[in-house]
Amino acid sequence: MKKQNAVEIWGKMFETVHRIRERYEQTNHERPCQQITLAQYKVMNCILFNPGGCSVKELSERLCLTPGAVSQIVEKLVREGTMVRARDGNDRRSVRITLSEKGW
């Protein structure tokens, strides 16, 4: 029963995302909708709700992914201009990842 409910919820979520993308593309011709993976979405979601940003280690722990996997996801989003890496003001060795203007 629980598995069936989870499948239904995921199905509804993907359907909703698809409809949002379609609607966005209908009304926003000058800027195409950026296609992101579910893993990228999860990383962006974590950062969105942490205004000070997150470290790769924090993201790794929250998402139950290896630091290497998170690092690859973040690197792609940084290259696309969606995220920014910045030195932590409290610890110069640490890097915080935040959303860029484009990411908002």
Protein backbone atom coordinates (compact mmCIF):
# COMPACT_ATOMS: atom_id res chain seq x y z
CA MET A 1 0.00 0.00 0.00
CA LYS A 2 2.75 2.48 0.91
CA LYS A 3 4.68 1.77 -2.30
CA GLN A 4 1.57 2.37 -4.41
CA ASN A 5 0.97 5.71 -2.63
CA ALA A 6 4.57 6.78 -3.23
CA VAL A 7 4.31 5.90 -6.92
CA GLU A 8 1.10 7.92 -7.22
CA ILE A 9 2.66 10.92 -5.46
CA TRP A 10 5.76 10.82 -7.70
CA GLY A 11 3.56 10.48 -10.77
CA LYS A 12 1.52 13.53 -9.77
CA MET A 13 4.69 15.49 -9.06
CA PHE A 14 6.18 14.74 -12.49
CA GLU A 15 2.87 15.55 -14.17
CA THR A 16 2.73 18.87 -12.32
CA VAL A 17 6.30 19.75 -13.28
CA HIS A 18 5.52 18.89 -16.91
CA ARG A 19 2.46 21.17 -16.88
CA ILE A 20 4.44 24.00 -15.29
CA ARG A 21 7.11 23.69 -18.00
CA GLU A 22 4.49 23.70 -20.75
CA ARG A 23 2.80 26.77 -19.27
CA TYR A 24 6.14 28.54 -18.86
CA GLU A 25 7.09 27.87 -22.48
CA GLN A 26 3.71 29.18 -23.70
CA THR A 27 4.07 32.49 -21.87
CA ASN A 28 7.84 33.02 -21.83
CA HIS A 29 9.15 32.82 -25.39
CA GLU A 30 12.30 34.91 -24.89
CA ARG A 31 13.76 32.65 -22.17
CA PRO A 32 13.39 28.89 -22.68
CA CYS A 33 12.66 26.71 -19.68
CA GLN A 34 15.82 25.21 -18.26
CA GLN A 35 15.68 21.43 -18.08
CA ILE A 36 17.11 20.16 -14.80
CA THR A 37 17.47 16.69 -13.37
CA LEU A 38 15.78 15.54 -10.19
CA ALA A 39 19.16 15.50 -8.40
CA GLN A 40 19.83 19.10 -9.47
CA TYR A 41 16.36 20.07 -8.30
CA LYS A 42 17.00 18.50 -4.88
CA VAL A 43 20.30 20.36 -4.49
CA MET A 44 18.69 23.65 -5.49
CA ASN A 45 15.81 23.01 -3.09
CA CYS A 46 18.20 22.47 -0.16
CA ILE A 47 20.02 25.68 -0.94
CA LEU A 48 16.81 27.64 -1.45
CA PHE A 49 15.74 26.94 2.13
CA ASN A 50 19.19 27.78 3.56
CA PRO A 51 19.75 31.47 2.83
CA GLY A 52 23.41 31.31 3.91
CA GLY A 53 24.04 28.54 1.42
CA CYS A 54 25.33 25.04 2.07
CA SER A 55 28.63 23.25 1.89
CA VAL A 56 29.06 20.12 -0.22
CA LYS A 57 29.28 18.11 3.00
CA GLU A 58 25.96 19.52 4.28
CA LEU A 59 24.25 18.81 0.96
CA SER A 60 25.71 15.32 0.93
CA GLU A 61 24.35 14.57 4.40
CA ARG A 62 20.90 16.04 3.72
CA LEU A 63 20.45 14.28 0.38
CA CYS A 64 22.13 10.98 1.30
CA LEU A 65 24.50 11.29 -1.65
CA THR A 66 28.26 10.99 -1.74
CA PRO A 67 30.23 14.23 -1.61
CA GLY A 68 31.61 13.38 -5.06
CA ALA A 69 28.12 13.09 -6.54
CA VAL A 70 27.03 16.38 -4.97
CA SER A 71 30.22 18.04 -6.17
CA GLN A 72 29.51 16.98 -9.78
CA ILE A 73 25.94 18.25 -9.60
CA VAL A 74 27.07 21.57 -8.13
CA GLU A 75 29.85 21.94 -10.70
CA LYS A 76 27.37 21.59 -13.56
CA LEU A 77 25.01 24.13 -12.00
CA VAL A 78 27.91 26.57 -11.39
CA ARG A 79 28.98 26.25 -15.05
CA GLU A 80 25.41 26.98 -16.15
CA GLY A 81 25.35 30.05 -13.91
CA THR A 82 22.57 28.76 -11.64
CA MET A 83 24.76 28.53 -8.53
CA VAL A 84 27.74 30.35 -7.10
CA ARG A 85 30.58 29.12 -4.92
CA ALA A 86 31.75 31.61 -2.29
CA ARG A 87 34.26 31.45 0.56
CA ASP A 88 32.68 31.12 3.99
CA GLY A 89 33.18 34.31 6.01
CA ASN A 90 33.80 32.33 9.20
CA ASP A 91 36.14 29.70 7.76
CA ARG A 92 38.23 30.62 4.73
CA ARG A 93 38.85 26.93 3.96
CA SER A 94 35.15 26.27 3.57
CA VAL A 95 33.09 27.03 0.48
CA ARG A 96 29.38 27.86 0.60
CA ILE A 97 27.15 27.20 -2.38
CA THR A 98 24.31 29.62 -3.02
CA LEU A 99 21.85 30.31 -5.80
CA SER A 100 22.87 32.96 -8.33
CA GLU A 101 20.48 35.58 -9.69
CA LYS A 102 19.82 33.22 -12.60
CA GLY A 103 19.05 30.42 -10.11
CA TRP A 104 16.32 32.43 -8.49
